[in-house]
Amino acid sequence: MVEARTQAEVEHAGWAFGHVDGWTTGDSKAGFLAAVGEALDGPVGQALARGAAEVRLGGEPAEAWRRLAAQPGAEALARLLERADVSGLPAAAPVARLAADVRADRSRTATARARRAAVMVTAPVGLCFLPAFITVGVLPVVIGLAGGVLGGGGG
């Protein structure tokens, strides 16, 4: 449950990076990351905002993003942000790709769970409907045939 929430936060962070062009409008990376972190309002958001504040104050990117990497499911996001800070390259496109990957993974997981649920519900449904089918469909035919054979055809 916690990892699913973290994955949702990473997905939302990717959406923010992919749809808000904050890094090219003159805002600092750290300021933009802090704003995204505060908007997420969860463990990933808090770690993102804290890491951004550390980078803004001159901290080492590797140290700043270590707390973010400690969050389950956010390791790849932390690596991307650290790489962007060290290299100076924009991280918006890679983070948006990461969010798309997280979305696809969540979709695959949901589909697999739905398929498992369909298989798991088969036995209880079968156990409920089989007696009704026998009582309503098969038993009258057997009684009718038995009555015809044992009674001599009724005629």
Protein backbone atom coordinates (compact mmCIF):
# COMPACT_ATOMS: atom_id res chain seq x y z
CA MET A 1 0.00 0.00 0.00
CA VAL A 2 2.83 2.40 0.91
CA GLU A 3 4.73 1.62 -2.29
CA ALA A 4 1.58 2.17 -4.38
CA ARG A 5 1.15 5.59 -2.78
CA THR A 6 4.81 6.39 -3.43
CA GLN A 7 4.45 5.32 -7.05
CA ALA A 8 1.43 7.58 -7.36
CA GLU A 9 3.48 10.48 -6.01
CA VAL A 10 6.31 9.76 -8.47
CA GLU A 11 3.71 9.68 -11.25
CA HIS A 12 2.32 13.05 -10.12
CA ALA A 13 5.84 14.47 -9.94
CA GLY A 14 6.43 13.32 -13.50
CA TRP A 15 3.21 14.98 -14.55
CA ALA A 16 4.32 18.22 -12.95
CA PHE A 17 7.74 18.08 -14.58
CA GLY A 18 6.28 17.18 -17.94
CA HIS A 19 3.47 19.76 -18.00
CA VAL A 20 4.92 22.75 -16.17
CA ASP A 21 7.80 24.41 -17.94
CA GLY A 22 9.21 25.87 -14.74
CA TRP A 23 12.84 25.24 -15.51
CA THR A 24 12.88 27.28 -18.69
CA THR A 25 10.99 30.32 -17.42
CA GLY A 26 13.83 31.60 -15.27
CA ASP A 27 12.85 29.80 -12.06
CA SER A 28 15.69 28.00 -10.36
CA LYS A 29 15.65 24.21 -10.47
CA ALA A 30 15.65 24.06 -6.70
CA GLY A 31 12.74 26.49 -6.45
CA PHE A 32 10.73 24.52 -8.97
CA LEU A 33 11.54 21.21 -7.26
CA ALA A 34 10.54 22.66 -3.90
CA ALA A 35 7.21 23.81 -5.35
CA VAL A 36 6.55 20.37 -6.84
CA GLY A 37 7.54 18.71 -3.55
CA GLU A 38 5.18 20.89 -1.55
CA ALA A 39 2.37 20.22 -4.02
CA LEU A 40 2.76 16.44 -3.66
CA ASP A 41 2.18 16.51 0.11
CA GLY A 42 3.44 13.03 0.98
CA PRO A 43 6.69 11.31 1.89
CA VAL A 44 8.07 11.72 -1.63
CA GLY A 45 6.94 15.34 -1.72
CA GLN A 46 8.56 16.08 1.62
CA ALA A 47 11.82 14.43 0.58
CA LEU A 48 11.72 16.29 -2.75
CA ALA A 49 11.15 19.66 -1.07
CA ARG A 50 13.87 19.00 1.49
CA GLY A 51 16.36 17.88 -1.16
CA ALA A 52 15.59 20.96 -3.23
CA ALA A 53 16.17 23.18 -0.20
CA GLU A 54 19.52 21.51 0.47
CA VAL A 55 20.63 21.95 -3.16
CA ARG A 56 19.46 25.57 -3.11
CA LEU A 57 21.58 26.17 0.00
CA GLY A 58 24.65 24.71 -1.71
CA GLY A 59 24.50 21.10 -0.57
CA GLU A 60 25.88 18.23 -2.57
CA PRO A 61 23.25 16.79 -4.94
CA ALA A 62 24.13 13.20 -3.97
CA GLU A 63 23.54 13.98 -0.30
CA ALA A 64 20.46 16.08 -0.99
CA TRP A 65 18.66 13.38 -2.97
CA ARG A 66 19.62 10.50 -0.64
CA ARG A 67 16.45 11.01 1.45
CA LEU A 68 14.35 10.90 -1.68
CA ALA A 69 16.08 7.69 -2.78
CA ALA A 70 15.23 6.18 0.62
CA GLN A 71 11.50 6.38 -0.22
CA PRO A 72 10.26 3.10 -1.74
CA GLY A 73 9.72 3.51 -5.47
CA ALA A 74 11.48 6.89 -5.69
CA GLU A 75 15.03 5.67 -6.26
CA ALA A 76 14.92 6.27 -10.02
CA LEU A 77 13.53 9.79 -9.53
CA ALA A 78 16.35 10.58 -7.10
CA ARG A 79 18.97 9.27 -9.54
CA LEU A 80 17.54 11.40 -12.35
CA LEU A 81 17.52 14.54 -10.22
CA GLU A 82 21.05 13.91 -8.96
CA ARG A 83 22.27 13.33 -12.52
CA ALA A 84 20.55 16.54 -13.65
CA ASP A 85 22.15 18.53 -10.84
CA VAL A 86 25.62 17.14 -11.50
CA SER A 87 25.47 17.43 -15.30
CA GLY A 88 23.37 20.58 -15.55
CA LEU A 89 21.06 18.95 -18.09
CA PRO A 90 17.29 19.43 -17.78
CA ALA A 91 15.46 16.60 -16.06
CA ALA A 92 11.92 17.37 -17.24
CA ALA A 93 11.86 14.91 -20.17
CA PRO A 94 13.54 11.99 -18.34
CA VAL A 95 11.27 12.45 -15.31
CA ALA A 96 8.22 12.57 -17.57
CA ARG A 97 9.38 9.29 -19.14
CA LEU A 98 9.84 7.83 -15.66
CA ALA A 99 6.28 8.87 -14.79
CA ALA A 100 5.01 7.23 -17.98
CA ASP A 101 6.86 4.03 -17.03
CA VAL A 102 5.34 4.14 -13.53
CA ARG A 103 1.88 4.64 -15.03
CA ALA A 104 2.38 1.70 -17.40
CA ASP A 105 3.63 -0.49 -14.54
CA ARG A 106 0.64 0.44 -12.38
CA SER A 107 -1.69 -0.34 -15.28
CA ARG A 108 -0.08 -3.74 -15.81
CA THR A 109 -0.34 -4.49 -12.09
CA ALA A 110 -4.02 -3.49 -12.00
CA THR A 111 -4.75 -5.66 -15.03
CA ALA A 112 -3.00 -8.64 -13.47
CA ARG A 113 -4.96 -8.17 -10.23
CA ALA A 114 -8.24 -7.96 -12.13
CA ARG A 115 -7.43 -11.18 -13.99
CA ARG A 116 -6.53 -12.92 -10.73
CA ALA A 117 -9.80 -11.74 -9.18
CA ALA A 118 -11.77 -13.16 -12.11
CA VAL A 119 -10.11 -16.55 -11.62
CA MET A 120 -10.55 -16.48 -7.85
CA VAL A 121 -14.28 -15.71 -8.08
CA THR A 122 -14.92 -18.68 -10.39
CA ALA A 123 -14.95 -21.32 -7.64
CA PRO A 124 -17.41 -19.56 -5.29
CA VAL A 125 -19.72 -18.69 -8.17
CA GLY A 126 -19.55 -22.26 -9.44
CA LEU A 127 -20.34 -23.62 -6.00
CA CYS A 128 -23.38 -21.36 -5.77
CA PHE A 129 -24.78 -21.93 -9.26
CA LEU A 130 -24.04 -25.64 -9.68
CA PRO A 131 -26.64 -26.82 -7.12
CA ALA A 132 -29.22 -24.46 -8.60
CA PHE A 133 -28.47 -25.72 -12.11
CA ILE A 134 -28.80 -29.33 -10.99
CA THR A 135 -32.03 -28.62 -9.09
CA VAL A 136 -33.73 -26.61 -11.83
CA GLY A 137 -32.23 -28.05 -15.02
CA VAL A 138 -31.02 -31.61 -14.56
CA LEU A 139 -33.21 -33.04 -11.81
CA PRO A 140 -36.59 -32.49 -13.60
CA VAL A 141 -35.23 -34.21 -16.71
CA VAL A 142 -33.94 -37.18 -14.70
CA ILE A 143 -37.25 -37.46 -12.79
CA GLY A 144 -39.21 -37.26 -16.03
CA LEU A 145 -37.07 -39.93 -17.71
CA ALA A 146 -37.14 -42.15 -14.61
CA GLY A 147 -40.91 -41.82 -14.36
CA GLY A 148 -41.30 -42.72 -18.02
CA VAL A 149 -39.01 -45.74 -17.79
CA LEU A 150 -40.25 -47.04 -14.44
CA GLY A 151 -43.93 -46.25 -15.01
CA GLY A 152 -44.07 -47.94 -18.36
CA GLY A 153 -44.45 -44.86 -20.52
CA GLY A 154 -47.73 -43.65 -18.90
CA GLY A 155 -49.82 -44.86 -21.64
